PDB file of N, CA and C in Angstrom:
ATOM      1  N   UNK A   1     120.886 -30.845-164.687  1.00  0.00           N
ATOM      2  CA  UNK A   1     122.119 -29.931-163.256  1.00  0.00           C
ATOM      3  C   UNK A   1     122.260 -30.714-162.544  1.00  0.00           C
ATOM      4  N   UNK A   2     123.665 -30.946-161.894  1.00  0.00           N
ATOM      5  CA  UNK A   2     123.905 -31.801-161.174  1.00  0.00           C
ATOM      6  C   UNK A   2     125.126 -30.671-160.129  1.00  0.00           C
ATOM      7  N   UNK A   3     124.271 -31.624-158.800  1.00  0.00           N
ATOM      8  CA  UNK A   3     125.284 -30.965-157.681  1.00  0.00           C
ATOM      9  C   UNK A   3     126.232 -31.866-156.456  1.00  0.00           C
ATOM     10  N   UNK A   4     127.156 -31.923-156.191  1.00  0.00           N
ATOM     11  CA  UNK A   4     127.201 -32.873-155.365  1.00  0.00           C
ATOM     12  C   UNK A   4     128.573 -32.590-154.525  1.00  0.00           C
ATOM     13  N   UNK A   5     128.736 -33.013-153.446  1.00  0.00           N
ATOM     14  CA  UNK A   5     130.199 -32.851-152.595  1.00  0.00           C
ATOM     15  C   UNK A   5     131.428 -32.883-153.356  1.00  0.00           C
ATOM     16  N   UNK A   6     132.325 -32.357-152.864  1.00  0.00           N
ATOM     17  CA  UNK A   6     133.659 -32.346-153.012  1.00  0.00           C
ATOM     18  C   UNK A   6     134.542 -33.776-152.209  1.00  0.00           C
ATOM     19  N   UNK A   7     135.514 -34.295-152.879  1.00  0.00           N
ATOM     20  CA  UNK A   7     135.964 -34.892-151.778  1.00  0.00           C
ATOM     21  C   UNK A   7     136.481 -34.317-150.294  1.00  0.00           C
ATOM     22  N   UNK A   8     136.365 -35.280-149.394  1.00  0.00           N
ATOM     23  CA  UNK A   8     137.196 -34.524-148.115  1.00  0.00           C
ATOM     24  C   UNK A   8     138.478 -33.962-148.217  1.00  0.00           C
ATOM     25  N   UNK A   9     138.689 -33.003-147.472  1.00  0.00           N
ATOM     26  CA  UNK A   9     139.950 -31.830-147.501  1.00  0.00           C
ATOM     27  C   UNK A   9     140.640 -33.099-146.335  1.00  0.00           C
ATOM     28  N   UNK A  10     141.937 -33.348-146.817  1.00  0.00           N
ATOM     29  CA  UNK A  10     142.993 -34.019-145.549  1.00  0.00           C
ATOM     30  C   UNK A  10     142.305 -33.513-143.982  1.00  0.00           C
ATOM     31  N   UNK A  11     142.051 -34.199-143.249  1.00  0.00           N
ATOM     32  CA  UNK A  11     141.879 -33.536-141.993  1.00  0.00           C
ATOM     33  C   UNK A  11     140.662 -33.543-142.009  1.00  0.00           C
ATOM     34  N   UNK A  12     139.474 -33.639-142.109  1.00  0.00           N
ATOM     35  CA  UNK A  12     138.428 -33.289-142.120  1.00  0.00           C
ATOM     36  C   UNK A  12     137.842 -34.184-140.714  1.00  0.00           C
ATOM     37  N   UNK A  13     136.716 -33.292-140.060  1.00  0.00           N
ATOM     38  CA  UNK A  13     136.691 -34.334-138.831  1.00  0.00           C
ATOM     39  C   UNK A  13     135.870 -35.364-138.894  1.00  0.00           C
ATOM     40  N   UNK A  14     134.573 -34.427-139.392  1.00  0.00           N
ATOM     41  CA  UNK A  14     133.196 -35.398-139.902  1.00  0.00           C
ATOM     42  C   UNK A  14     133.312 -35.560-141.528  1.00  0.00           C
ATOM     43  N   UNK A  15     133.846 -37.163-141.584  1.00  0.00           N
ATOM     44  CA  UNK A  15     133.658 -37.200-143.189  1.00  0.00           C
ATOM     45  C   UNK A  15     132.435 -37.163-144.035  1.00  0.00           C
ATOM     46  N   UNK A  16     131.961 -36.657-145.169  1.00  0.00           N
ATOM     47  CA  UNK A  16     131.536 -36.236-145.732  1.00  0.00           C
ATOM     48  C   UNK A  16     131.426 -37.115-147.190  1.00  0.00           C
ATOM     49  N   UNK A  17     132.372 -37.520-147.714  1.00  0.00           N
ATOM     50  CA  UNK A  17     133.033 -37.601-148.696  1.00  0.00           C
ATOM     51  C   UNK A  17     134.220 -38.095-149.257  1.00  0.00           C
ATOM     52  N   UNK A  18     134.406 -38.900-148.266  1.00  0.00           N
ATOM     53  CA  UNK A  18     135.955 -39.674-147.941  1.00  0.00           C
ATOM     54  C   UNK A  18     136.595 -40.439-149.832  1.00  0.00           C
ATOM     55  N   UNK A  19     137.559 -39.868-149.793  1.00  0.00           N
ATOM     56  CA  UNK A  19     138.457 -40.555-151.218  1.00  0.00           C
ATOM     57  C   UNK A  19     138.255 -42.205-150.917  1.00  0.00           C
ATOM     58  N   UNK A  20     137.792 -42.678-150.439  1.00  0.00           N
ATOM     59  CA  UNK A  20     137.703 -44.606-150.301  1.00  0.00           C
ATOM     60  C   UNK A  20     136.449 -44.667-151.325  1.00  0.00           C
ATOM     61  N   UNK A  21     135.750 -43.614-151.107  1.00  0.00           N
ATOM     62  CA  UNK A  21     134.192 -44.001-151.780  1.00  0.00           C
ATOM     63  C   UNK A  21     134.243 -43.464-153.339  1.00  0.00           C
ATOM     64  N   UNK A  22     135.349 -43.086-153.885  1.00  0.00           N
ATOM     65  CA  UNK A  22     135.303 -42.399-154.979  1.00  0.00           C
ATOM     66  C   UNK A  22     134.668 -43.826-156.067  1.00  0.00           C
ATOM     67  N   UNK A  23     135.285 -44.973-155.942  1.00  0.00           N
ATOM     68  CA  UNK A  23     134.412 -46.005-157.254  1.00  0.00           C
ATOM     69  C   UNK A  23     133.296 -46.334-156.919  1.00  0.00           C
ATOM     70  N   UNK A  24     132.741 -46.399-155.926  1.00  0.00           N
ATOM     71  CA  UNK A  24     131.345 -46.241-155.433  1.00  0.00           C
ATOM     72  C   UNK A  24     130.392 -45.245-155.546  1.00  0.00           C
ATOM     73  N   UNK A  25     130.860 -44.134-155.648  1.00  0.00           N
ATOM     74  CA  UNK A  25     130.215 -43.181-156.356  1.00  0.00           C
ATOM     75  C   UNK A  25     130.176 -42.928-157.505  1.00  0.00           C
ATOM     76  N   UNK A  26     131.164 -43.285-158.565  1.00  0.00           N
ATOM     77  CA  UNK A  26     131.371 -42.975-159.458  1.00  0.00           C
ATOM     78  C   UNK A  26     130.693 -44.315-160.773  1.00  0.00           C
ATOM     79  N   UNK A  27     130.652 -45.287-159.960  1.00  0.00           N
ATOM     80  CA  UNK A  27     129.563 -46.192-160.452  1.00  0.00           C
ATOM     81  C   UNK A  27     128.394 -45.825-159.909  1.00  0.00           C
ATOM     82  N   UNK A  28     127.557 -45.184-158.813  1.00  0.00           N
ATOM     83  CA  UNK A  28     126.271 -44.835-158.696  1.00  0.00           C
ATOM     84  C   UNK A  28     125.877 -44.083-159.687  1.00  0.00           C
ATOM     85  N   UNK A  29     126.594 -43.081-159.917  1.00  0.00           N
ATOM     86  CA  UNK A  29     126.811 -41.802-160.602  1.00  0.00           C
ATOM     87  C   UNK A  29     126.395 -42.039-162.427  1.00  0.00           C
ATOM     88  N   UNK A  30     127.209 -43.241-162.705  1.00  0.00           N
ATOM     89  CA  UNK A  30     127.066 -43.448-163.993  1.00  0.00           C
ATOM     90  C   UNK A  30     125.806 -44.464-164.140  1.00  0.00           C
ATOM     91  N   UNK A  31     125.187 -45.314-163.060  1.00  0.00           N
ATOM     92  CA  UNK A  31     124.031 -46.216-163.497  1.00  0.00           C
ATOM     93  C   UNK A  31     123.012 -45.057-163.399  1.00  0.00           C
ATOM     94  N   UNK A  32     122.994 -44.008-162.844  1.00  0.00           N
ATOM     95  CA  UNK A  32     121.777 -43.300-162.710  1.00  0.00           C
ATOM     96  C   UNK A  32     121.788 -42.325-164.196  1.00  0.00           C
ATOM     97  N   UNK A  33     122.729 -42.054-164.781  1.00  0.00           N
ATOM     98  CA  UNK A  33     122.622 -41.529-165.870  1.00  0.00           C
ATOM     99  C   UNK A  33     122.993 -42.526-166.850  1.00  0.00           C
ATOM    100  N   UNK A  34     122.785 -43.764-166.731  1.00  0.00           N
ATOM    101  CA  UNK A  34     122.406 -44.864-167.822  1.00  0.00           C
ATOM    102  C   UNK A  34     121.171 -44.913-167.494  1.00  0.00           C
ATOM    103  N   UNK A  35     120.077 -45.092-166.649  1.00  0.00           N
ATOM    104  CA  UNK A  35     118.631 -44.996-166.760  1.00  0.00           C
ATOM    105  C   UNK A  35     118.230 -43.416-167.557  1.00  0.00           C
ATOM    106  N   UNK A  36     119.131 -42.461-166.866  1.00  0.00           N
ATOM    107  CA  UNK A  36     117.819 -41.091-167.451  1.00  0.00           C
ATOM    108  C   UNK A  36     117.940 -40.735-168.620  1.00  0.00           C
ATOM    109  N   UNK A  37     119.281 -41.195-168.968  1.00  0.00           N
ATOM    110  CA  UNK A  37     120.093 -40.419-170.250  1.00  0.00           C
ATOM    111  C   UNK A  37     119.452 -39.566-171.027  1.00  0.00           C
ATOM    112  N   UNK A  38     120.366 -38.311-169.934  1.00  0.00           N
ATOM    113  CA  UNK A  38     120.082 -37.218-170.263  1.00  0.00           C
ATOM    114  C   UNK A  38     120.782 -36.644-171.256  1.00  0.00           C
ATOM    115  N   UNK A  39     120.388 -35.611-171.990  1.00  0.00           N
ATOM    116  CA  UNK A  39     121.163 -35.293-173.213  1.00  0.00           C
ATOM    117  C   UNK A  39     122.510 -34.811-173.198  1.00  0.00           C
ATOM    118  N   UNK A  40     122.606 -33.195-171.903  1.00  0.00           N
ATOM    119  CA  UNK A  40     122.988 -32.508-171.291  1.00  0.00           C
ATOM    120  C   UNK A  40     123.400 -32.596-169.872  1.00  0.00           C
ATOM    121  N   UNK A  41     124.244 -32.172-169.238  1.00  0.00           N
ATOM    122  CA  UNK A  41     124.533 -31.811-167.706  1.00  0.00           C
ATOM    123  C   UNK A  41     125.375 -30.330-167.739  1.00  0.00           C
ATOM    124  N   UNK A  42     124.655 -30.030-166.605  1.00  0.00           N
ATOM    125  CA  UNK A  42     124.952 -28.538-166.452  1.00  0.00           C
ATOM    126  C   UNK A  42     125.428 -28.410-164.983  1.00  0.00           C
ATOM    127  N   UNK A  43     126.418 -28.229-164.762  1.00  0.00           N
ATOM    128  CA  UNK A  43     127.136 -27.889-163.235  1.00  0.00           C
ATOM    129  C   UNK A  43     128.219 -27.073-163.171  1.00  0.00           C
ATOM    130  N   UNK A  44     128.868 -27.275-162.050  1.00  0.00           N
ATOM    131  CA  UNK A  44     130.602 -26.989-161.961  1.00  0.00           C
ATOM    132  C   UNK A  44     131.223 -28.156-161.878  1.00  0.00           C
ATOM    133  N   UNK A  45     132.937 -28.117-161.686  1.00  0.00           N
ATOM    134  CA  UNK A  45     133.809 -29.020-161.854  1.00  0.00           C
ATOM    135  C   UNK A  45     134.120 -29.225-160.340  1.00  0.00           C
ATOM    136  N   UNK A  46     134.151 -29.313-159.693  1.00  0.00           N
ATOM    137  CA  UNK A  46     134.786 -29.575-158.355  1.00  0.00           C
ATOM    138  C   UNK A  46     135.386 -31.061-158.388  1.00  0.00           C
ATOM    139  N   UNK A  47     136.386 -30.905-157.290  1.00  0.00           N
ATOM    140  CA  UNK A  47     136.883 -32.330-157.239  1.00  0.00           C
ATOM    141  C   UNK A  47     135.738 -33.409-156.791  1.00  0.00           C
ATOM    142  N   UNK A  48     135.362 -34.510-156.724  1.00  0.00           N
ATOM    143  CA  UNK A  48     134.109 -35.568-156.179  1.00  0.00           C
ATOM    144  C   UNK A  48     133.318 -35.497-157.689  1.00  0.00           C
ATOM    145  N   UNK A  49     131.911 -34.829-156.580  1.00  0.00           N
ATOM    146  CA  UNK A  49     130.600 -35.589-157.848  1.00  0.00           C
ATOM    147  C   UNK A  49     130.585 -34.573-158.794  1.00  0.00           C
ATOM    148  N   UNK A  50     131.357 -33.625-158.934  1.00  0.00           N
ATOM    149  CA  UNK A  50     130.897 -32.916-159.942  1.00  0.00           C
ATOM    150  C   UNK A  50     131.636 -33.399-161.509  1.00  0.00           C
ATOM    151  N   UNK A  51     133.136 -33.855-160.849  1.00  0.00           N
ATOM    152  CA  UNK A  51     133.963 -33.935-161.673  1.00  0.00           C
ATOM    153  C   UNK A  51     133.696 -35.412-162.288  1.00  0.00           C
ATOM    154  N   UNK A  52     133.030 -36.754-161.478  1.00  0.00           N
ATOM    155  CA  UNK A  52     132.596 -37.843-161.510  1.00  0.00           C
ATOM    156  C   UNK A  52     131.394 -37.955-162.579  1.00  0.00           C
ATOM    157  N   UNK A  53     130.269 -36.889-162.532  1.00  0.00           N
ATOM    158  CA  UNK A  53     129.370 -36.482-163.287  1.00  0.00           C
ATOM    159  C   UNK A  53     129.607 -36.282-164.855  1.00  0.00           C
ATOM    160  N   UNK A  54     130.796 -35.556-164.892  1.00  0.00           N
ATOM    161  CA  UNK A  54     131.382 -35.058-166.023  1.00  0.00           C
ATOM    162  C   UNK A  54     131.780 -35.727-167.061  1.00  0.00           C
ATOM    163  N   UNK A  55     132.832 -37.010-166.163  1.00  0.00           N
ATOM    164  CA  UNK A  55     133.040 -37.746-166.993  1.00  0.00           C
ATOM    165  C   UNK A  55     132.033 -39.105-167.419  1.00  0.00           C
ATOM    166  N   UNK A  56     131.029 -39.141-166.436  1.00  0.00           N
ATOM    167  CA  UNK A  56     129.911 -40.596-166.947  1.00  0.00           C
ATOM    168  C   UNK A  56     129.529 -39.489-167.631  1.00  0.00           C
ATOM    169  N   UNK A  57     129.206 -38.440-167.968  1.00  0.00           N
ATOM    170  CA  UNK A  57     128.554 -38.148-168.931  1.00  0.00           C
ATOM    171  C   UNK A  57     129.276 -38.058-170.368  1.00  0.00           C
ATOM    172  N   UNK A  58     130.635 -37.574-170.275  1.00  0.00           N
ATOM    173  CA  UNK A  58     131.278 -37.769-171.884  1.00  0.00           C
ATOM    174  C   UNK A  58     131.052 -39.275-171.470  1.00  0.00           C
ATOM    175  N   UNK A  59     131.830 -40.085-171.275  1.00  0.00           N
ATOM    176  CA  UNK A  59     131.401 -41.422-171.815  1.00  0.00           C
ATOM    177  C   UNK A  59     130.396 -41.608-172.457  1.00  0.00           C
ATOM    178  N   UNK A  60     129.476 -41.360-171.817  1.00  0.00           N
ATOM    179  CA  UNK A  60     127.885 -41.547-172.369  1.00  0.00           C
ATOM    180  C   UNK A  60     127.355 -40.843-173.648  1.00  0.00           C
ATOM    181  N   UNK A  61     128.457 -39.922-174.349  1.00  0.00           N
ATOM    182  CA  UNK A  61     128.433 -39.314-175.236  1.00  0.00           C
ATOM    183  C   UNK A  61     127.216 -38.045-175.000  1.00  0.00           C
ATOM    184  N   UNK A  62     127.104 -37.663-174.499  1.00  0.00           N
ATOM    185  CA  UNK A  62     126.226 -36.225-173.195  1.00  0.00           C
ATOM    186  C   UNK A  62     127.478 -35.294-173.626  1.00  0.00           C
ATOM    187  N   UNK A  63     126.536 -33.998-173.553  1.00  0.00           N
ATOM    188  CA  UNK A  63     127.172 -32.921-173.527  1.00  0.00           C
ATOM    189  C   UNK A  63     127.201 -32.084-172.317  1.00  0.00           C
ATOM    190  N   UNK A  64     128.579 -31.316-171.864  1.00  0.00           N
ATOM    191  CA  UNK A  64     128.206 -31.339-170.819  1.00  0.00           C
ATOM    192  C   UNK A  64     128.653 -29.481-171.027  1.00  0.00           C
ATOM    193  N   UNK A  65     127.792 -28.857-169.941  1.00  0.00           N
ATOM    194  CA  UNK A  65     128.157 -27.144-169.544  1.00  0.00           C
ATOM    195  C   UNK A  65     129.136 -26.879-168.366  1.00  0.00           C
ATOM    196  N   UNK A  66     129.654 -26.765-168.222  1.00  0.00           N
ATOM    197  CA  UNK A  66     130.280 -26.330-167.253  1.00  0.00           C
ATOM    198  C   UNK A  66     129.956 -24.847-166.548  1.00  0.00           C
ATOM    199  N   UNK A  67     130.235 -24.811-165.247  1.00  0.00           N
ATOM    200  CA  UNK A  67     129.394 -23.674-164.911  1.00  0.00           C
ATOM    201  C   UNK A  67     130.174 -23.356-163.811  1.00  0.00           C
ATOM    202  N   UNK A  68     131.004 -22.335-163.603  1.00  0.00           N
ATOM    203  CA  UNK A  68     133.171 -21.759-162.303  1.00  0.00           C
ATOM    204  C   UNK A  68     132.072 -20.147-162.234  1.00  0.00           C
ATOM    205  N   UNK A  69     131.889 -20.505-160.452  1.00  0.00           N
ATOM    206  CA  UNK A  69     131.667 -19.127-160.034  1.00  0.00           C
ATOM    207  C   UNK A  69     132.539 -18.402-160.188  1.00  0.00           C
ATOM    208  N   UNK A  70     134.149 -18.623-160.604  1.00  0.00           N
ATOM    209  CA  UNK A  70     135.288 -17.619-160.427  1.00  0.00           C
ATOM    210  C   UNK A  70     136.241 -18.414-161.575  1.00  0.00           C
ATOM    211  N   UNK A  71     137.000 -17.420-161.869  1.00  0.00           N
ATOM    212  CA  UNK A  71     138.079 -18.049-162.973  1.00  0.00           C
ATOM    213  C   UNK A  71     138.937 -19.543-162.802  1.00  0.00           C
ATOM    214  N   UNK A  72     139.067 -20.171-163.892  1.00  0.00           N
ATOM    215  CA  UNK A  72     139.397 -21.637-163.961  1.00  0.00           C
ATOM    216  C   UNK A  72     140.762 -21.343-163.039  1.00  0.00           C
ATOM    217  N   UNK A  73     141.692 -20.827-162.947  1.00  0.00           N
ATOM    218  CA  UNK A  73     142.954 -21.267-162.515  1.00  0.00           C
ATOM    219  C   UNK A  73     142.238 -21.372-160.947  1.00  0.00           C
ATOM    220  N   UNK A  74     141.669 -19.459-160.418  1.00  0.00           N
ATOM    221  CA  UNK A  74     141.256 -20.133-159.493  1.00  0.00           C
ATOM    222  C   UNK A  74     140.706 -20.867-158.383  1.00  0.00           C
ATOM    223  N   UNK A  75     139.604 -21.102-159.262  1.00  0.00           N
ATOM    224  CA  UNK A  75     138.607 -22.310-158.957  1.00  0.00           C
ATOM    225  C   UNK A  75     139.834 -23.770-158.889  1.00  0.00           C
ATOM    226  N   UNK A  76     140.371 -24.277-159.678  1.00  0.00           N
ATOM    227  CA  UNK A  76     141.474 -25.226-159.747  1.00  0.00           C
ATOM    228  C   UNK A  76     141.847 -25.144-157.939  1.00  0.00           C
ATOM    229  N   UNK A  77     142.482 -24.187-158.094  1.00  0.00           N
ATOM    230  CA  UNK A  77     143.308 -23.930-156.562  1.00  0.00           C
ATOM    231  C   UNK A  77     142.269 -23.973-155.750  1.00  0.00           C
ATOM    232  N   UNK A  78     141.325 -23.694-155.536  1.00  0.00           N
ATOM    233  CA  UNK A  78     139.922 -23.615-154.012  1.00  0.00           C
ATOM    234  C   UNK A  78     139.616 -24.992-154.199  1.00  0.00           C
ATOM    235  N   UNK A  79     138.797 -25.538-155.337  1.00  0.00           N
ATOM    236  CA  UNK A  79     138.192 -26.874-155.669  1.00  0.00           C
ATOM    237  C   UNK A  79     138.781 -28.223-156.382  1.00  0.00           C
ATOM    238  N   UNK A  80     139.807 -28.175-156.361  1.00  0.00           N
ATOM    239  CA  UNK A  80     140.567 -29.254-156.724  1.00  0.00           C
ATOM    240  C   UNK A  80     141.834 -29.627-156.231  1.00  0.00           C
ATOM    241  N   UNK A  81     142.529 -29.043-156.385  1.00  0.00           N
ATOM    242  CA  UNK A  81     143.893 -29.059-155.834  1.00  0.00           C
ATOM    243  C   UNK A  81     144.245 -29.767-154.388  1.00  0.00           C
ATOM    244  N   UNK A  82     143.477 -28.840-153.672  1.00  0.00           N
ATOM    245  CA  UNK A  82     144.123 -30.269-152.009  1.00  0.00           C
ATOM    246  C   UNK A  82     143.753 -31.967-152.134  1.00  0.00           C
ATOM    247  N   UNK A  83     142.729 -32.020-153.175  1.00  0.00           N
ATOM    248  CA  UNK A  83     142.077 -33.223-153.290  1.00  0.00           C
ATOM    249  C   UNK A  83     143.564 -34.510-153.546  1.00  0.00           C
ATOM    250  N   UNK A  84     143.639 -35.354-152.700  1.00  0.00           N
ATOM    251  CA  UNK A  84     144.963 -36.475-153.367  1.00  0.00           C
ATOM    252  C   UNK A  84     144.395 -37.313-154.808  1.00  0.00           C
ATOM    253  N   UNK A  85     145.530 -37.616-154.964  1.00  0.00           N
ATOM    254  CA  UNK A  85     145.067 -38.111-156.539  1.00  0.00           C
ATOM    255  C   UNK A  85     145.081 -36.815-157.679  1.00  0.00           C
ATOM    256  N   UNK A  86     144.284 -37.863-159.183  1.00  0.00           N
ATOM    257  CA  UNK A  86     144.843 -37.093-160.146  1.00  0.00           C
ATOM    258  C   UNK A  86     143.651 -35.951-160.913  1.00  0.00           C
ATOM    259  N   UNK A  87     143.326 -35.207-159.777  1.00  0.00           N
ATOM    260  CA  UNK A  87     142.052 -34.602-160.137  1.00  0.00           C
ATOM    261  C   UNK A  87     142.120 -33.682-160.620  1.00  0.00           C
ATOM    262  N   UNK A  88     143.032 -32.488-160.199  1.00  0.00           N
ATOM    263  CA  UNK A  88     144.030 -31.635-161.410  1.00  0.00           C
ATOM    264  C   UNK A  88     143.577 -31.708-162.598  1.00  0.00           C
ATOM    265  N   UNK A  89     144.257 -33.278-163.353  1.00  0.00           N
ATOM    266  CA  UNK A  89     144.436 -33.898-164.629  1.00  0.00           C
ATOM    267  C   UNK A  89     143.094 -33.657-164.890  1.00  0.00           C
ATOM    268  N   UNK A  90     142.007 -34.504-164.076  1.00  0.00           N
ATOM    269  CA  UNK A  90     140.879 -34.568-164.816  1.00  0.00           C
ATOM    270  C   UNK A  90     139.678 -33.356-164.976  1.00  0.00           C
ATOM    271  N   UNK A  91     140.225 -32.831-163.875  1.00  0.00           N
ATOM    272  CA  UNK A  91     140.057 -31.536-164.166  1.00  0.00           C
ATOM    273  C   UNK A  91     139.835 -30.220-165.396  1.00  0.00           C
ATOM    274  N   UNK A  92     141.345 -30.571-166.150  1.00  0.00           N
ATOM    275  CA  UNK A  92     141.733 -30.293-167.440  1.00  0.00           C
ATOM    276  C   UNK A  92     140.876 -30.456-168.744  1.00  0.00           C
ATOM    277  N   UNK A  93     140.875 -32.336-168.037  1.00  0.00           N
ATOM    278  CA  UNK A  93     140.374 -33.366-169.339  1.00  0.00           C
ATOM    279  C   UNK A  93     139.139 -32.499-169.457  1.00  0.00           C
ATOM    280  N   UNK A  94     138.042 -32.922-168.592  1.00  0.00           N
ATOM    281  CA  UNK A  94     136.511 -32.016-168.534  1.00  0.00           C
ATOM    282  C   UNK A  94     136.309 -30.562-169.196  1.00  0.00           C
ATOM    283  N   UNK A  95     136.917 -29.961-168.321  1.00  0.00           N
ATOM    284  CA  UNK A  95     136.835 -28.446-168.894  1.00  0.00           C
ATOM    285  C   UNK A  95     137.487 -28.843-170.511  1.00  0.00           C
ATOM    286  N   UNK A  96     138.427 -29.264-171.200  1.00  0.00           N
ATOM    287  CA  UNK A  96     138.622 -29.339-172.212  1.00  0.00           C
ATOM    288  C   UNK A  96     137.765 -29.909-173.247  1.00  0.00           C
ATOM    289  N   UNK A  97     137.034 -30.605-172.870  1.00  0.00           N
ATOM    290  CA  UNK A  97     136.122 -31.807-173.427  1.00  0.00           C
ATOM    291  C   UNK A  97     134.772 -30.992-173.351  1.00  0.00           C
ATOM    292  N   UNK A  98     134.067 -29.981-172.506  1.00  0.00           N
ATOM    293  CA  UNK A  98     133.398 -29.260-172.437  1.00  0.00           C
ATOM    294  C   UNK A  98     132.361 -29.088-173.191  1.00  0.00           C
ATOM    295  N   UNK A  99     131.106 -29.148-173.894  1.00  0.00           N
ATOM    296  CA  UNK A  99     130.338 -28.204-175.067  1.00  0.00           C
ATOM    297  C   UNK A  99     130.253 -26.559-174.759  1.00  0.00           C
ATOM    298  N   UNK A 100     130.520 -26.151-173.354  1.00  0.00           N
ATOM    299  CA  UNK A 100     130.727 -25.183-173.333  1.00  0.00           C
ATOM    300  C   UNK A 100     130.936 -24.959-172.028  1.00  0.00           C
ATOM    301  N   UNK A 101     131.896 -24.066-171.540  1.00  0.00           N
ATOM    302  CA  UNK A 101     132.392 -23.239-169.682  1.00  0.00           C
ATOM    303  C   UNK A 101     131.954 -21.666-169.600  1.00  0.00           C
ATOM    304  N   UNK A 102     131.339 -21.590-168.419  1.00  0.00           N
ATOM    305  CA  UNK A 102     130.997 -20.486-168.176  1.00  0.00           C
ATOM    306  C   UNK A 102     131.447 -20.089-167.090  1.00  0.00           C
ATOM    307  N   UNK A 103     131.615 -18.479-167.262  1.00  0.00           N
ATOM    308  CA  UNK A 103     132.636 -18.364-165.730  1.00  0.00           C
ATOM    309  C   UNK A 103     131.605 -16.502-165.522  1.00  0.00           C
ATOM    310  N   UNK A 104     131.090 -17.135-163.977  1.00  0.00           N
ATOM    311  CA  UNK A 104     129.889 -16.517-163.779  1.00  0.00           C
ATOM    312  C   UNK A 104     130.476 -14.968-163.428  1.00  0.00           C
ATOM    313  N   UNK A 105     131.744 -14.948-162.980  1.00  0.00           N
ATOM    314  CA  UNK A 105     132.426 -13.576-161.897  1.00  0.00           C
ATOM    315  C   UNK A 105     134.139 -13.419-162.661  1.00  0.00           C
ATOM    316  N   UNK A 106     134.746 -12.827-162.645  1.00  0.00           N
ATOM    317  CA  UNK A 106     135.968 -12.253-162.747  1.00  0.00           C
ATOM    318  C   UNK A 106     136.940 -12.450-161.391  1.00  0.00           C
ATOM    319  N   UNK A 107     135.806 -12.203-160.014  1.00  0.00           N
ATOM    320  CA  UNK A 107     136.535 -11.976-158.896  1.00  0.00           C
ATOM    321  C   UNK A 107     135.480 -13.150-158.045  1.00  0.00           C
ATOM    322  N   UNK A 108     136.463 -13.778-157.144  1.00  0.00           N
ATOM    323  CA  UNK A 108     136.010 -14.462-155.929  1.00  0.00           C
ATOM    324  C   UNK A 108     134.838 -14.309-155.506  1.00  0.00           C
ATOM    325  N   UNK A 109     133.869 -14.856-154.535  1.00  0.00           N
ATOM    326  CA  UNK A 109     132.868 -14.589-154.206  1.00  0.00           C
ATOM    327  C   UNK A 109     133.181 -14.530-153.179  1.00  0.00           C
ATOM    328  N   UNK A 110     132.698 -13.308-152.591  1.00  0.00           N
ATOM    329  CA  UNK A 110     132.612 -13.451-150.682  1.00  0.00           C
ATOM    330  C   UNK A 110     132.050 -14.391-149.944  1.00  0.00           C
ATOM    331  N   UNK A 111     133.525 -14.767-148.778  1.00  0.00           N
ATOM    332  CA  UNK A 111     133.115 -15.491-147.631  1.00  0.00           C
ATOM    333  C   UNK A 111     133.400 -17.282-147.965  1.00  0.00           C
ATOM    334  N   UNK A 112     133.752 -17.398-149.747  1.00  0.00           N
ATOM    335  CA  UNK A 112     134.935 -18.580-150.107  1.00  0.00           C
ATOM    336  C   UNK A 112     135.852 -18.688-149.430  1.00  0.00           C
ATOM    337  N   UNK A 113     136.284 -19.788-148.981  1.00  0.00           N
ATOM    338  CA  UNK A 113     136.850 -20.253-148.470  1.00  0.00           C
ATOM    339  C   UNK A 113     138.545 -20.089-149.195  1.00  0.00           C
ATOM    340  N   UNK A 114     140.254 -19.364-148.797  1.00  0.00           N
ATOM    341  CA  UNK A 114     140.789 -19.379-149.672  1.00  0.00           C
ATOM    342  C   UNK A 114     142.298 -20.580-148.778  1.00  0.00           C
ATOM    343  N   UNK A 115     142.831 -21.387-149.087  1.00  0.00           N
ATOM    344  CA  UNK A 115     143.872 -21.983-148.192  1.00  0.00           C
ATOM    345  C   UNK A 115     144.916 -20.886-148.047  1.00  0.00           C
ATOM    346  N   UNK A 116     145.668 -20.662-147.004  1.00  0.00           N
ATOM    347  CA  UNK A 116     146.506 -20.161-146.368  1.00  0.00           C
ATOM    348  C   UNK A 116     147.435 -19.879-147.310  1.00  0.00           C
ATOM    349  N   UNK A 117     147.832 -20.578-148.089  1.00  0.00           N
ATOM    350  CA  UNK A 117     149.060 -20.450-149.078  1.00  0.00           C
ATOM    351  C   UNK A 117     149.348 -20.203-150.239  1.00  0.00           C
ATOM    352  N   UNK A 118     147.839 -19.660-150.295  1.00  0.00           N
ATOM    353  CA  UNK A 118     147.605 -18.957-152.240  1.00  0.00           C
ATOM    354  C   UNK A 118     147.303 -17.826-152.002  1.00  0.00           C
ATOM    355  N   UNK A 119     148.033 -16.913-153.065  1.00  0.00           N
ATOM    356  CA  UNK A 119     148.129 -15.211-152.902  1.00  0.00           C
ATOM    357  C   UNK A 119     146.352 -14.792-153.284  1.00  0.00           C
ATOM    358  N   UNK A 120     146.088 -13.502-152.567  1.00  0.00           N
ATOM    359  CA  UNK A 120     145.229 -12.950-152.160  1.00  0.00           C
ATOM    360  C   UNK A 120     144.681 -12.338-154.126  1.00  0.00           C
ATOM    361  N   UNK A 121     145.307 -12.129-155.051  1.00  0.00           N
ATOM    362  CA  UNK A 121     144.985 -11.560-156.345  1.00  0.00           C
ATOM    363  C   UNK A 121     145.304 -12.753-157.323  1.00  0.00           C
ATOM    364  N   UNK A 122     144.755 -12.178-158.556  1.00  0.00           N
ATOM    365  CA  UNK A 122     145.186 -13.239-159.580  1.00  0.00           C
ATOM    366  C   UNK A 122     144.942 -12.666-160.717  1.00  0.00           C
TER     367      UNK A 122
END
């Protein structure tokens, strides 16, 4: 089971995962997985450490099982699209390569943030 931070949204005042740290985080995740050698990984697929873990697991030949809190298209808009770079393509790749994808709800979770330019229904 994995979890971690998304890359920082543009304009974030207090940095948590600046995009400049992507390569270092990816290397650290891969190094840890090489040591642990898990057979499978379970978690979400947000931009940042989630996708980095999924990519490393796939490269190492492990199973990936993605659990999304709401439908993939909405998750993509909320948890991937804001990030600079090719996170959207990477999200689609890890989703397609996953051993399983579980969507836990057809609806958005209460209290989740929605970018102001996204429609309220899907």
